Amino acid sequence: MENSLLYKLLAVTLLIVVYVLAAAFDMARETVAPLVVIAIAVVLFFPTRKKK
């Protein structure tokens, strides 16, 4: 696998863990959920530079 794909997968996994922890500890899910969704969209759809 490409390194950029691994970094994206790791970042998305960490963001999901953050949401699960926020839900488990009942910490402002209404605020955390949209931020996590936006962050995942940015991670997945942000263009990456190709090495030449």
C-alpha atoms as a PDB file:
ATOM      1  CA  MET A   1       0.000   0.000   0.000  1.00  0.00           C
ATOM      2  CA  GLU A   2       1.022   3.574  -0.519  1.00  0.00           C
ATOM      3  CA  ASN A   3       2.187   5.556   2.488  1.00  0.00           C
ATOM      4  CA  SER A   4      -0.405   8.282   1.877  1.00  0.00           C
ATOM      5  CA  LEU A   5      -3.196   5.706   1.969  1.00  0.00           C
ATOM      6  CA  LEU A   6      -1.878   4.304   5.236  1.00  0.00           C
ATOM      7  CA  TYR A   7      -1.713   7.790   6.749  1.00  0.00           C
ATOM      8  CA  LYS A   8      -5.280   8.498   5.668  1.00  0.00           C
ATOM      9  CA  LEU A   9      -6.475   5.202   7.126  1.00  0.00           C
ATOM     10  CA  LEU A  10      -4.679   5.899  10.392  1.00  0.00           C
ATOM     11  CA  ALA A  11      -6.092   9.426  10.603  1.00  0.00           C
ATOM     12  CA  VAL A  12      -9.655   8.254   9.954  1.00  0.00           C
ATOM     13  CA  THR A  13      -9.278   5.476  12.508  1.00  0.00           C
ATOM     14  CA  LEU A  14      -8.049   7.937  15.128  1.00  0.00           C
ATOM     15  CA  LEU A  15     -10.939  10.307  14.400  1.00  0.00           C
ATOM     16  CA  ILE A  16     -13.431   7.470  14.817  1.00  0.00           C
ATOM     17  CA  VAL A  17     -11.789   6.519  18.116  1.00  0.00           C
ATOM     18  CA  VAL A  18     -12.103  10.143  19.253  1.00  0.00           C
ATOM     19  CA  TYR A  19     -15.829  10.068  18.471  1.00  0.00           C
ATOM     20  CA  VAL A  20     -16.328   6.728  20.230  1.00  0.00           C
ATOM     21  CA  LEU A  21     -14.537   8.039  23.323  1.00  0.00           C
ATOM     22  CA  ALA A  22     -16.617  11.217  23.280  1.00  0.00           C
ATOM     23  CA  ALA A  23     -19.771   9.122  23.036  1.00  0.00           C
ATOM     24  CA  ALA A  24     -18.652   6.733  25.773  1.00  0.00           C
ATOM     25  CA  PHE A  25     -17.882   9.542  28.197  1.00  0.00           C
ATOM     26  CA  ASP A  26     -20.991  11.487  27.100  1.00  0.00           C
ATOM     27  CA  MET A  27     -18.934  14.543  26.128  1.00  0.00           C
ATOM     28  CA  ALA A  28     -20.766  16.947  23.787  1.00  0.00           C
ATOM     29  CA  ARG A  29     -21.516  14.502  20.988  1.00  0.00           C
ATOM     30  CA  GLU A  30     -23.545  17.208  19.259  1.00  0.00           C
ATOM     31  CA  THR A  31     -20.351  19.232  18.871  1.00  0.00           C
ATOM     32  CA  VAL A  32     -17.848  16.442  18.326  1.00  0.00           C
ATOM     33  CA  ALA A  33     -19.809  14.515  15.670  1.00  0.00           C
ATOM     34  CA  PRO A  34     -19.915  17.266  13.005  1.00  0.00           C
ATOM     35  CA  LEU A  35     -16.269  18.099  13.613  1.00  0.00           C
ATOM     36  CA  VAL A  36     -15.273  14.462  13.181  1.00  0.00           C
ATOM     37  CA  VAL A  37     -17.310  14.177   9.973  1.00  0.00           C
ATOM     38  CA  ILE A  38     -15.726  17.337   8.550  1.00  0.00           C
ATOM     39  CA  ALA A  39     -12.254  16.164   9.564  1.00  0.00           C
ATOM     40  CA  ILE A  40     -12.784  12.763   7.920  1.00  0.00           C
ATOM     41  CA  ALA A  41     -13.986  14.450   4.723  1.00  0.00           C
ATOM     42  CA  VAL A  42     -10.907  16.688   4.718  1.00  0.00           C
ATOM     43  CA  VAL A  43      -8.577  13.744   5.291  1.00  0.00           C
ATOM     44  CA  LEU A  44     -10.142  11.604   2.582  1.00  0.00           C
ATOM     45  CA  PHE A  45     -10.713  14.230  -0.098  1.00  0.00           C
ATOM     46  CA  PHE A  46      -7.766  16.584   0.395  1.00  0.00           C
ATOM     47  CA  PRO A  47      -5.458  16.172  -2.590  1.00  0.00           C
ATOM     48  CA  THR A  48      -2.012  14.818  -1.864  1.00  0.00           C
ATOM     49  CA  ARG A  49       1.161  15.679  -3.691  1.00  0.00           C
ATOM     50  CA  LYS A  50       2.571  13.041  -5.955  1.00  0.00           C
ATOM     51  CA  LYS A  51       6.275  12.331  -5.718  1.00  0.00           C
ATOM     52  CA  LYS A  52       8.091  12.762  -8.992  1.00  0.00           C
END
